[in-house]
Protein backbone atom coordinates (compact mmCIF):
# COMPACT_ATOMS: atom_id res chain seq x y z
CA UNK A 1 155.36 72.43 204.73
CA UNK A 2 152.05 70.84 203.69
CA UNK A 3 153.31 69.00 200.56
CA UNK A 4 154.40 65.35 200.57
CA UNK A 5 157.71 65.02 202.35
CA UNK A 6 157.15 68.36 204.06
CA UNK A 7 157.24 69.04 207.80
CA UNK A 8 153.51 68.53 208.39
CA UNK A 9 153.16 65.45 206.17
CA UNK A 10 156.15 63.66 207.73
CA UNK A 11 155.23 64.23 211.35
CA UNK A 12 151.53 63.73 210.71
CA UNK A 13 152.26 60.24 209.41
CA UNK A 14 154.65 59.53 212.29
CA UNK A 15 152.10 60.43 214.95
CA UNK A 16 149.34 58.61 213.03
CA UNK A 17 151.48 55.44 213.06
CA UNK A 18 152.04 55.70 216.82
CA UNK A 19 148.34 56.30 217.38
CA UNK A 20 147.40 53.34 215.16
CA UNK A 21 149.74 51.05 217.11
CA UNK A 22 148.12 52.20 220.34
CA UNK A 23 144.63 51.52 218.96
CA UNK A 24 145.74 48.02 217.92
CA UNK A 25 146.92 47.37 221.48
CA UNK A 26 143.79 48.77 223.13
CA UNK A 27 140.63 49.20 221.06
CA UNK A 28 139.06 51.27 223.87
CA UNK A 29 141.88 53.82 223.86
CA UNK A 30 140.90 57.36 222.96
CA UNK A 31 141.90 58.46 219.50
CA UNK A 32 144.76 60.92 219.42
CA UNK A 33 144.27 64.34 217.83
CA UNK A 34 145.79 64.69 214.37
CA UNK A 35 148.96 66.72 213.83
CA UNK A 36 147.20 69.01 211.40
CA UNK A 37 148.46 71.27 208.66
CA UNK A 38 149.98 74.73 208.54
CA UNK A 39 146.53 76.36 208.73
CA UNK A 40 145.37 74.52 211.87
CA UNK A 41 143.81 76.59 214.66
CA UNK A 42 145.78 77.27 217.83
CA UNK A 43 143.14 75.39 219.86
CA UNK A 44 143.75 72.27 217.75
CA UNK A 45 147.53 72.65 218.01
CA UNK A 46 147.35 73.09 221.79
CA UNK A 47 145.08 70.04 222.09
CA UNK A 48 147.50 67.97 219.99
CA UNK A 49 150.55 68.87 222.08
CA UNK A 50 148.67 68.49 225.38
CA UNK A 51 147.70 64.94 224.42
CA UNK A 52 151.12 63.87 223.18
CA UNK A 53 153.18 65.57 225.90
CA UNK A 54 151.31 63.53 228.50
CA UNK A 55 151.38 60.33 226.41
CA UNK A 56 151.44 56.98 228.14
CA UNK A 57 151.38 53.81 226.10
CA UNK A 58 148.63 51.22 226.39
CA UNK A 59 150.79 48.56 224.76
CA UNK A 60 151.72 45.55 226.88
CA UNK A 61 155.35 45.47 225.68
CA UNK A 62 155.27 41.68 226.00
CA UNK A 63 158.12 41.48 223.51
CA UNK A 64 160.40 42.67 226.32
CA UNK A 65 159.75 39.48 228.31
CA UNK A 66 162.93 37.78 229.44
CA UNK A 67 161.45 34.39 230.33
CA UNK A 68 158.78 32.09 228.96
CA UNK A 69 156.73 31.35 232.08
CA UNK A 70 155.26 28.23 230.47
CA UNK A 71 158.69 26.61 230.86
CA UNK A 72 158.72 27.07 234.65
CA UNK A 73 159.11 23.79 236.57
CA UNK A 74 157.00 25.00 239.53
CA UNK A 75 154.87 27.86 240.82
CA UNK A 76 157.66 29.56 242.77
CA UNK A 77 159.94 29.74 239.72
CA UNK A 78 157.03 30.87 237.54
CA UNK A 79 156.29 33.77 239.93
CA UNK A 80 159.93 34.80 239.92
CA UNK A 81 159.91 34.69 236.11
CA UNK A 82 156.70 36.76 235.98
CA UNK A 83 158.21 39.32 238.34
CA UNK A 84 161.28 39.65 236.12
CA UNK A 85 159.09 39.87 233.01
CA UNK A 86 156.96 42.61 234.63
CA UNK A 87 160.10 44.57 235.46
CA UNK A 88 161.32 44.26 231.86
CA UNK A 89 157.90 45.26 230.50
CA UNK A 90 157.70 48.32 232.71
CA UNK A 91 161.20 49.37 231.60
CA UNK A 92 160.20 48.94 227.96
CA UNK A 93 157.03 51.01 228.52
CA UNK A 94 159.04 53.75 230.19
CA UNK A 95 161.50 53.83 227.30
CA UNK A 96 158.66 53.96 224.77
CA UNK A 97 156.92 56.79 226.65
CA UNK A 98 160.18 58.72 226.91
CA UNK A 99 160.88 58.18 223.22
CA UNK A 100 157.47 59.50 222.16
CA UNK A 101 157.72 62.49 224.52
CA UNK A 102 161.20 63.29 223.19
CA UNK A 103 159.80 63.22 219.65
CA UNK A 104 157.01 65.59 220.71
CA UNK A 105 159.50 67.99 222.31
CA UNK A 106 161.68 67.87 219.18
CA UNK A 107 158.72 68.56 216.88
CA UNK A 108 157.23 71.27 219.09
CA UNK A 109 160.52 73.17 219.16
CA UNK A 110 160.60 73.17 215.35
CA UNK A 111 156.87 73.54 214.59
CA UNK A 112 156.43 76.84 212.68
CA UNK A 113 152.89 77.23 214.08
CA UNK A 114 154.19 77.12 217.65
CA UNK A 115 157.14 79.38 216.86
CA UNK A 116 154.80 81.96 215.27
CA UNK A 117 152.37 81.80 218.18
CA UNK A 118 155.16 82.18 220.73
CA UNK A 119 156.66 85.17 218.94
CA UNK A 120 153.21 86.76 218.65
CA UNK A 121 152.70 86.34 222.41
CA UNK A 122 156.13 87.87 223.07
CA UNK A 123 155.26 90.87 220.90
CA UNK A 124 151.95 91.34 222.74
CA UNK A 125 153.72 91.06 226.10
CA UNK A 126 156.33 93.63 225.02
CA UNK A 127 153.63 96.01 223.76
CA UNK A 128 151.70 95.65 227.00
CA UNK A 129 154.85 96.29 229.05
CA UNK A 130 155.68 99.36 226.94
CA UNK A 131 152.16 100.73 227.42
CA UNK A 132 152.37 100.15 231.17
CA UNK A 133 155.77 101.86 231.28
CA UNK A 134 154.43 104.83 229.29
CA UNK A 135 151.45 105.14 231.65
CA UNK A 136 153.77 104.99 234.65
CA UNK A 137 156.00 107.73 233.21
CA UNK A 138 152.97 109.89 232.41
CA UNK A 139 151.70 109.51 235.94
CA UNK A 140 155.17 110.25 237.33
CA UNK A 141 155.46 113.38 235.16
CA UNK A 142 152.17 114.70 236.61
CA UNK A 143 153.72 114.92 240.07
């Protein structure tokens, strides 16, 4: 997991690259939490996934522009071009956000830290339910 080419190294670099691209687009953007290693605390892991599951890009996505508004012959055409460009940019942003969130969902499903935590919670829940059931049966046997 933690070695080069392992699960944590690969996805840590992937999320670092996305975060770096966001910081290049908006220097005031908050820095994203790091992916961490296999020994990361649950609080850090939860913070990481909370940030990335609600990710919205700060990039302008100007590369999605359809028209060069500087080529417009008049103001009316320029406004129509800008409107079309804004529509294309918003579509590109939505696709980028969806892509990042899909990556997060994919990684979370396969993250051994999350899998271990979830199974531990299930075991605790089952133990608590068994104890409650035993107490109920004891109480029922008293009557």
